Amino acid sequence: NRVVHACRGVLNRLLPDVHIETDHFKGKEGGDSPGYSLSLVAESTSGALLSVERNASSGVPSGGASQPELPEDVGSEAALQLLLEIQRGGVIDSTHQPLILQLMVLTPEDVSKVRFGSELTPQAIATLRLIKDAFGVVFKIKPDLVLWQQQRSEQRQHQQKQEKEDSDSESCVDDKADEGTHRRGGNMFERDPTILLSCLGIGYSNINRKVT
């Protein structure tokens, strides 16, 4: 409950539609594990799923003694990690970047495309190098500047509309102007553009499968 409460303390500031379920297991049912973790999934309006997972560490050194990690830290940090994934954009979260790259290579001999967030993880970069060495496949990587510019244009229009509403208001003008400045400071489209990756599949087939 402390993990969920801390997580909601971050996410409910943005939207009320947050659902978190808890599963409590003890002993062998929990794998004899004394720890706990939190998995969060965000679904976009287009159906893309972005997820993060935060596990509690067994102990944090403090004054020479090992102290268990606080549930509040696990919940708030997981929520912030999820917001960071959303801010980066794309349809694949950072954790699953290497997996998607491998699946793209093994597809039939056709072009596969995917949109990552604004950053490639070190694991994804290492996977790209291994794929080149093992299969001889080189990915085409480019930033999606067209979508990025479109989003920035829409955001500017929204800001201009908000500024006009603030200036037309007859009461609390100063407070609203400060509020508008705060919103502009948190503009999510100040991020780098998302990254498009494409490759030609090798047409891999399961050679162990029996042919009838």
C-alpha atoms as a PDB file:
ATOM      1  CA  ASN A   1       0.000   0.000   0.000  1.00  0.00           C
ATOM      2  CA  ARG A   2       2.866   2.389   0.698  1.00  0.00           C
ATOM      3  CA  VAL A   3       4.313   1.722  -2.764  1.00  0.00           C
ATOM      4  CA  VAL A   4       0.956   2.347  -4.439  1.00  0.00           C
ATOM      5  CA  HIS A   5       0.310   5.500  -2.410  1.00  0.00           C
ATOM      6  CA  ALA A   6       3.689   6.991  -3.336  1.00  0.00           C
ATOM      7  CA  CYS A   7       3.185   6.102  -6.996  1.00  0.00           C
ATOM      8  CA  ARG A   8      -0.238   7.702  -7.062  1.00  0.00           C
ATOM      9  CA  GLY A   9       1.192  10.784  -5.405  1.00  0.00           C
ATOM     10  CA  VAL A  10       3.129  11.405  -8.629  1.00  0.00           C
ATOM     11  CA  LEU A  11       0.747  10.150 -11.324  1.00  0.00           C
ATOM     12  CA  ASN A  12      -2.509  11.562  -9.931  1.00  0.00           C
ATOM     13  CA  ARG A  13      -1.123  15.066 -10.351  1.00  0.00           C
ATOM     14  CA  LEU A  14      -1.484  14.531 -14.098  1.00  0.00           C
ATOM     15  CA  LEU A  15      -4.591  12.354 -14.449  1.00  0.00           C
ATOM     16  CA  PRO A  16      -7.029  10.553 -12.150  1.00  0.00           C
ATOM     17  CA  ASP A  17      -7.384   7.478 -14.368  1.00  0.00           C
ATOM     18  CA  VAL A  18      -4.687   5.388 -12.671  1.00  0.00           C
ATOM     19  CA  HIS A  19      -5.303   1.748 -11.768  1.00  0.00           C
ATOM     20  CA  ILE A  20      -2.767  -0.195  -9.684  1.00  0.00           C
ATOM     21  CA  GLU A  21      -3.411  -3.730  -8.474  1.00  0.00           C
ATOM     22  CA  THR A  22      -1.499  -5.419  -5.659  1.00  0.00           C
ATOM     23  CA  ASP A  23      -0.568  -9.095  -5.374  1.00  0.00           C
ATOM     24  CA  HIS A  24       0.713 -10.240  -2.017  1.00  0.00           C
ATOM     25  CA  PHE A  25       2.450 -13.590  -1.657  1.00  0.00           C
ATOM     26  CA  LYS A  26       4.382 -15.159   1.188  1.00  0.00           C
ATOM     27  CA  GLY A  27       6.876 -17.977   1.494  1.00  0.00           C
ATOM     28  CA  LYS A  28       7.064 -20.410  -1.392  1.00  0.00           C
ATOM     29  CA  GLU A  29       4.199 -18.713  -3.223  1.00  0.00           C
ATOM     30  CA  GLY A  30       6.398 -15.628  -3.476  1.00  0.00           C
ATOM     31  CA  GLY A  31       9.475 -17.581  -4.551  1.00  0.00           C
ATOM     32  CA  ASP A  32      10.998 -17.253  -1.080  1.00  0.00           C
ATOM     33  CA  SER A  33      11.767 -13.643  -1.956  1.00  0.00           C
ATOM     34  CA  PRO A  34      11.722 -11.011   0.801  1.00  0.00           C
ATOM     35  CA  GLY A  35      11.533  -8.149  -1.708  1.00  0.00           C
ATOM     36  CA  TYR A  36       8.821  -6.434  -3.710  1.00  0.00           C
ATOM     37  CA  SER A  37       8.520  -4.614  -7.010  1.00  0.00           C
ATOM     38  CA  LEU A  38       6.233  -2.423  -9.072  1.00  0.00           C
ATOM     39  CA  SER A  39       5.357  -2.681 -12.760  1.00  0.00           C
ATOM     40  CA  LEU A  40       3.620   0.196 -14.534  1.00  0.00           C
ATOM     41  CA  VAL A  41       2.141   0.290 -18.037  1.00  0.00           C
ATOM     42  CA  ALA A  42       0.922   3.381 -19.883  1.00  0.00           C
ATOM     43  CA  GLU A  43      -1.358   3.053 -22.928  1.00  0.00           C
ATOM     44  CA  SER A  44      -1.421   5.787 -25.555  1.00  0.00           C
ATOM     45  CA  THR A  45      -4.492   6.907 -27.473  1.00  0.00           C
ATOM     46  CA  SER A  46      -3.207   4.882 -30.447  1.00  0.00           C
ATOM     47  CA  GLY A  47      -2.816   1.688 -28.403  1.00  0.00           C
ATOM     48  CA  ALA A  48       0.961   1.769 -27.824  1.00  0.00           C
ATOM     49  CA  LEU A  49       2.087   0.330 -24.478  1.00  0.00           C
ATOM     50  CA  LEU A  50       5.059   1.733 -22.560  1.00  0.00           C
ATOM     51  CA  SER A  51       6.162  -0.042 -19.403  1.00  0.00           C
ATOM     52  CA  VAL A  52       8.692   0.235 -16.594  1.00  0.00           C
ATOM     53  CA  GLU A  53       9.597  -2.008 -13.688  1.00  0.00           C
ATOM     54  CA  ARG A  54      11.173  -1.026 -10.401  1.00  0.00           C
ATOM     55  CA  ASN A  55      12.494  -3.636  -7.972  1.00  0.00           C
ATOM     56  CA  ALA A  56      13.302  -2.899  -4.347  1.00  0.00           C
ATOM     57  CA  SER A  57      16.943  -3.531  -3.523  1.00  0.00           C
ATOM     58  CA  SER A  58      17.794  -5.899  -0.692  1.00  0.00           C
ATOM     59  CA  GLY A  59      19.632  -3.201   1.218  1.00  0.00           C
ATOM     60  CA  VAL A  60      21.028   0.318   0.972  1.00  0.00           C
ATOM     61  CA  PRO A  61      24.311   1.005   2.825  1.00  0.00           C
ATOM     62  CA  SER A  62      23.770   3.597   5.538  1.00  0.00           C
ATOM     63  CA  GLY A  63      26.408   4.317   8.155  1.00  0.00           C
ATOM     64  CA  GLY A  64      28.044   0.938   7.672  1.00  0.00           C
ATOM     65  CA  ALA A  65      24.759  -0.956   8.053  1.00  0.00           C
ATOM     66  CA  SER A  66      22.490  -2.231   5.293  1.00  0.00           C
ATOM     67  CA  GLN A  67      19.048  -0.637   5.366  1.00  0.00           C
ATOM     68  CA  PRO A  68      16.112  -1.902   3.264  1.00  0.00           C
ATOM     69  CA  GLU A  69      14.878   0.455   0.575  1.00  0.00           C
ATOM     70  CA  LEU A  70      11.785   2.441   1.474  1.00  0.00           C
ATOM     71  CA  PRO A  71       8.560   1.521  -0.341  1.00  0.00           C
ATOM     72  CA  GLU A  72       7.905   5.224  -0.963  1.00  0.00           C
ATOM     73  CA  ASP A  73      11.150   5.478  -2.962  1.00  0.00           C
ATOM     74  CA  VAL A  74      10.203   2.479  -5.097  1.00  0.00           C
ATOM     75  CA  GLY A  75       6.757   3.869  -5.899  1.00  0.00           C
ATOM     76  CA  SER A  76       7.795   7.444  -6.694  1.00  0.00           C
ATOM     77  CA  GLU A  77      10.837   6.439  -8.749  1.00  0.00           C
ATOM     78  CA  ALA A  78       8.800   3.964 -10.813  1.00  0.00           C
ATOM     79  CA  ALA A  79       6.239   6.669 -11.566  1.00  0.00           C
ATOM     80  CA  LEU A  80       8.957   9.106 -12.617  1.00  0.00           C
ATOM     81  CA  GLN A  81      10.556   6.462 -14.851  1.00  0.00           C
ATOM     82  CA  LEU A  82       7.214   5.900 -16.580  1.00  0.00           C
ATOM     83  CA  LEU A  83       6.761   9.637 -17.158  1.00  0.00           C
ATOM     84  CA  LEU A  84      10.256   9.772 -18.636  1.00  0.00           C
ATOM     85  CA  GLU A  85       9.367   6.978 -21.070  1.00  0.00           C
ATOM     86  CA  ILE A  86       6.245   8.883 -22.117  1.00  0.00           C
ATOM     87  CA  GLN A  87       8.214  12.094 -22.540  1.00  0.00           C
ATOM     88  CA  ARG A  88      10.697  10.350 -24.844  1.00  0.00           C
ATOM     89  CA  GLY A  89       7.897   9.282 -27.169  1.00  0.00           C
ATOM     90  CA  GLY A  90       7.907   6.320 -29.516  1.00  0.00           C
ATOM     91  CA  VAL A  91       5.912   3.092 -29.347  1.00  0.00           C
ATOM     92  CA  ILE A  92       8.591   0.901 -27.697  1.00  0.00           C
ATOM     93  CA  ASP A  93       9.899   1.538 -24.203  1.00  0.00           C
ATOM     94  CA  SER A  94      13.614   1.471 -23.388  1.00  0.00           C
ATOM     95  CA  THR A  95      13.562  -2.005 -21.836  1.00  0.00           C
ATOM     96  CA  HIS A  96      12.189  -3.712 -24.951  1.00  0.00           C
ATOM     97  CA  GLN A  97      14.332  -1.977 -27.568  1.00  0.00           C
ATOM     98  CA  PRO A  98      16.822  -4.890 -27.949  1.00  0.00           C
ATOM     99  CA  LEU A  99      14.012  -7.464 -28.234  1.00  0.00           C
ATOM    100  CA  ILE A 100      12.239  -5.587 -31.025  1.00  0.00           C
ATOM    101  CA  LEU A 101      15.488  -5.222 -32.976  1.00  0.00           C
ATOM    102  CA  GLN A 102      16.073  -8.975 -32.866  1.00  0.00           C
ATOM    103  CA  LEU A 103      12.531  -9.752 -33.988  1.00  0.00           C
ATOM    104  CA  MET A 104      12.826  -7.306 -36.891  1.00  0.00           C
ATOM    105  CA  VAL A 105      15.932  -9.081 -38.181  1.00  0.00           C
ATOM    106  CA  LEU A 106      14.291 -12.532 -38.077  1.00  0.00           C
ATOM    107  CA  THR A 107      11.178 -11.507 -40.037  1.00  0.00           C
ATOM    108  CA  PRO A 108      10.514 -12.602 -43.646  1.00  0.00           C
ATOM    109  CA  GLU A 109      12.512 -10.867 -46.365  1.00  0.00           C
ATOM    110  CA  ASP A 110      10.629  -7.615 -46.185  1.00  0.00           C
ATOM    111  CA  VAL A 111      11.199  -4.181 -44.695  1.00  0.00           C
ATOM    112  CA  SER A 112      10.296  -3.774 -41.016  1.00  0.00           C
ATOM    113  CA  LYS A 113       9.958  -0.347 -39.394  1.00  0.00           C
ATOM    114  CA  VAL A 114       9.629   0.810 -35.804  1.00  0.00           C
ATOM    115  CA  ARG A 115       9.540   4.103 -33.913  1.00  0.00           C
ATOM    116  CA  PHE A 116      11.706   4.356 -30.804  1.00  0.00           C
ATOM    117  CA  GLY A 117      11.790   7.219 -28.332  1.00  0.00           C
ATOM    118  CA  SER A 118      14.254  10.069 -28.521  1.00  0.00           C
ATOM    119  CA  GLU A 119      17.113   7.940 -27.155  1.00  0.00           C
ATOM    120  CA  LEU A 120      18.707   4.614 -28.014  1.00  0.00           C
ATOM    121  CA  THR A 121      19.735   2.696 -24.910  1.00  0.00           C
ATOM    122  CA  PRO A 122      23.287   1.286 -24.604  1.00  0.00           C
ATOM    123  CA  GLN A 123      21.747  -2.193 -24.750  1.00  0.00           C
ATOM    124  CA  ALA A 124      20.036  -1.357 -28.051  1.00  0.00           C
ATOM    125  CA  ILE A 125      23.282  -0.002 -29.512  1.00  0.00           C
ATOM    126  CA  ALA A 126      25.131  -3.158 -28.462  1.00  0.00           C
ATOM    127  CA  THR A 127      22.365  -5.269 -30.036  1.00  0.00           C
ATOM    128  CA  LEU A 128      22.688  -3.383 -33.326  1.00  0.00           C
ATOM    129  CA  ARG A 129      26.402  -4.155 -33.400  1.00  0.00           C
ATOM    130  CA  LEU A 130      25.842  -7.835 -32.619  1.00  0.00           C
ATOM    131  CA  ILE A 131      23.192  -8.083 -35.343  1.00  0.00           C
ATOM    132  CA  LYS A 132      25.596  -6.616 -37.873  1.00  0.00           C
ATOM    133  CA  ASP A 133      28.304  -9.103 -36.895  1.00  0.00           C
ATOM    134  CA  ALA A 134      26.009 -12.147 -36.758  1.00  0.00           C
ATOM    135  CA  PHE A 135      23.615 -11.533 -39.648  1.00  0.00           C
ATOM    136  CA  GLY A 136      25.264  -8.794 -41.698  1.00  0.00           C
ATOM    137  CA  VAL A 137      22.153  -6.637 -41.351  1.00  0.00           C
ATOM    138  CA  VAL A 138      22.570  -2.884 -40.977  1.00  0.00           C
ATOM    139  CA  PHE A 139      19.650  -0.802 -39.746  1.00  0.00           C
ATOM    140  CA  LYS A 140      18.646   2.492 -41.291  1.00  0.00           C
ATOM    141  CA  ILE A 141      18.336   5.004 -38.457  1.00  0.00           C
ATOM    142  CA  LYS A 142      16.985   8.542 -38.797  1.00  0.00           C
ATOM    143  CA  PRO A 143      15.148  11.070 -36.603  1.00  0.00           C
ATOM    144  CA  ASP A 144      11.533  11.797 -37.529  1.00  0.00           C
ATOM    145  CA  LEU A 145      11.835  15.545 -37.997  1.00  0.00           C
ATOM    146  CA  VAL A 146       8.504  15.847 -39.844  1.00  0.00           C
ATOM    147  CA  LEU A 147       6.418  14.580 -36.914  1.00  0.00           C
ATOM    148  CA  TRP A 148       8.597  16.500 -34.451  1.00  0.00           C
ATOM    149  CA  GLN A 149       8.006  19.809 -36.255  1.00  0.00           C
ATOM    150  CA  GLN A 150       4.280  19.097 -36.512  1.00  0.00           C
ATOM    151  CA  GLN A 151       4.037  18.436 -32.777  1.00  0.00           C
ATOM    152  CA  ARG A 152       5.975  21.582 -31.951  1.00  0.00           C
ATOM    153  CA  SER A 153       3.692  23.609 -34.203  1.00  0.00           C
ATOM    154  CA  GLU A 154       0.581  22.213 -32.506  1.00  0.00           C
ATOM    155  CA  GLN A 155       2.076  22.924 -29.094  1.00  0.00           C
ATOM    156  CA  ARG A 156       2.872  26.516 -30.026  1.00  0.00           C
ATOM    157  CA  GLN A 157      -0.704  27.013 -31.203  1.00  0.00           C
ATOM    158  CA  HIS A 158      -1.970  25.608 -27.906  1.00  0.00           C
ATOM    159  CA  GLN A 159       0.323  27.945 -25.958  1.00  0.00           C
ATOM    160  CA  GLN A 160      -0.790  30.965 -27.971  1.00  0.00           C
ATOM    161  CA  LYS A 161      -4.423  30.065 -27.335  1.00  0.00           C
ATOM    162  CA  GLN A 162      -3.738  29.688 -23.624  1.00  0.00           C
ATOM    163  CA  GLU A 163      -1.899  33.017 -23.490  1.00  0.00           C
ATOM    164  CA  LYS A 164      -4.836  34.727 -25.204  1.00  0.00           C
ATOM    165  CA  GLU A 165      -7.273  33.245 -22.693  1.00  0.00           C
ATOM    166  CA  ASP A 166      -5.052  34.433 -19.840  1.00  0.00           C
ATOM    167  CA  SER A 167      -4.788  37.947 -21.251  1.00  0.00           C
ATOM    168  CA  ASP A 168      -8.577  38.182 -21.801  1.00  0.00           C
ATOM    169  CA  SER A 169      -9.336  37.185 -18.250  1.00  0.00           C
ATOM    170  CA  GLU A 170     -10.284  40.087 -16.019  1.00  0.00           C
ATOM    171  CA  SER A 171      -9.355  38.441 -12.731  1.00  0.00           C
ATOM    172  CA  CYS A 172      -6.208  36.775 -11.431  1.00  0.00           C
ATOM    173  CA  VAL A 173      -4.249  37.908 -14.464  1.00  0.00           C
ATOM    174  CA  ASP A 174      -0.893  37.738 -12.739  1.00  0.00           C
ATOM    175  CA  ASP A 175      -1.579  34.307 -11.265  1.00  0.00           C
ATOM    176  CA  LYS A 176      -2.700  32.920 -14.586  1.00  0.00           C
ATOM    177  CA  ALA A 177       0.339  34.347 -16.334  1.00  0.00           C
ATOM    178  CA  ASP A 178       2.570  32.629 -13.806  1.00  0.00           C
ATOM    179  CA  GLU A 179       0.626  29.423 -14.321  1.00  0.00           C
ATOM    180  CA  GLY A 180       1.018  29.697 -18.078  1.00  0.00           C
ATOM    181  CA  THR A 181       4.753  30.227 -17.672  1.00  0.00           C
ATOM    182  CA  HIS A 182       4.930  27.096 -15.535  1.00  0.00           C
ATOM    183  CA  ARG A 183       3.123  25.087 -18.197  1.00  0.00           C
ATOM    184  CA  ARG A 184       5.430  26.352 -20.905  1.00  0.00           C
ATOM    185  CA  GLY A 185       8.445  25.380 -18.820  1.00  0.00           C
ATOM    186  CA  GLY A 186       7.181  21.795 -18.792  1.00  0.00           C
ATOM    187  CA  ASN A 187       6.686  21.561 -22.554  1.00  0.00           C
ATOM    188  CA  MET A 188       7.131  17.899 -23.462  1.00  0.00           C
ATOM    189  CA  PHE A 189       7.949  18.789 -27.079  1.00  0.00           C
ATOM    190  CA  GLU A 190      11.250  20.353 -26.051  1.00  0.00           C
ATOM    191  CA  ARG A 191      12.583  16.782 -26.298  1.00  0.00           C
ATOM    192  CA  ASP A 192      14.576  15.496 -29.235  1.00  0.00           C
ATOM    193  CA  PRO A 193      12.625  13.918 -32.127  1.00  0.00           C
ATOM    194  CA  THR A 194      11.712  10.253 -32.044  1.00  0.00           C
ATOM    195  CA  ILE A 195      13.899   7.791 -33.952  1.00  0.00           C
ATOM    196  CA  LEU A 196      12.774   5.672 -36.912  1.00  0.00           C
ATOM    197  CA  LEU A 197      14.577   2.371 -37.493  1.00  0.00           C
ATOM    198  CA  SER A 198      14.115   0.042 -40.443  1.00  0.00           C
ATOM    199  CA  CYS A 199      15.808  -3.073 -41.781  1.00  0.00           C
ATOM    200  CA  LEU A 200      15.339  -5.931 -44.234  1.00  0.00           C
ATOM    201  CA  GLY A 201      14.530  -9.238 -42.553  1.00  0.00           C
ATOM    202  CA  ILE A 202      16.662 -12.295 -43.266  1.00  0.00           C
ATOM    203  CA  GLY A 203      13.711 -14.636 -43.653  1.00  0.00           C
ATOM    204  CA  TYR A 204      14.776 -16.902 -40.818  1.00  0.00           C
ATOM    205  CA  SER A 205      12.985 -20.239 -40.582  1.00  0.00           C
ATOM    206  CA  ASN A 206      13.062 -22.837 -37.829  1.00  0.00           C
ATOM    207  CA  ILE A 207      15.325 -25.564 -39.211  1.00  0.00           C
ATOM    208  CA  ASN A 208      14.363 -27.908 -36.370  1.00  0.00           C
ATOM    209  CA  ARG A 209      10.701 -27.875 -37.343  1.00  0.00           C
ATOM    210  CA  LYS A 210       9.544 -31.113 -38.920  1.00  0.00           C
ATOM    211  CA  VAL A 211       8.153 -30.833 -42.432  1.00  0.00           C
ATOM    212  CA  THR A 212       5.172 -33.083 -43.160  1.00  0.00           C
END
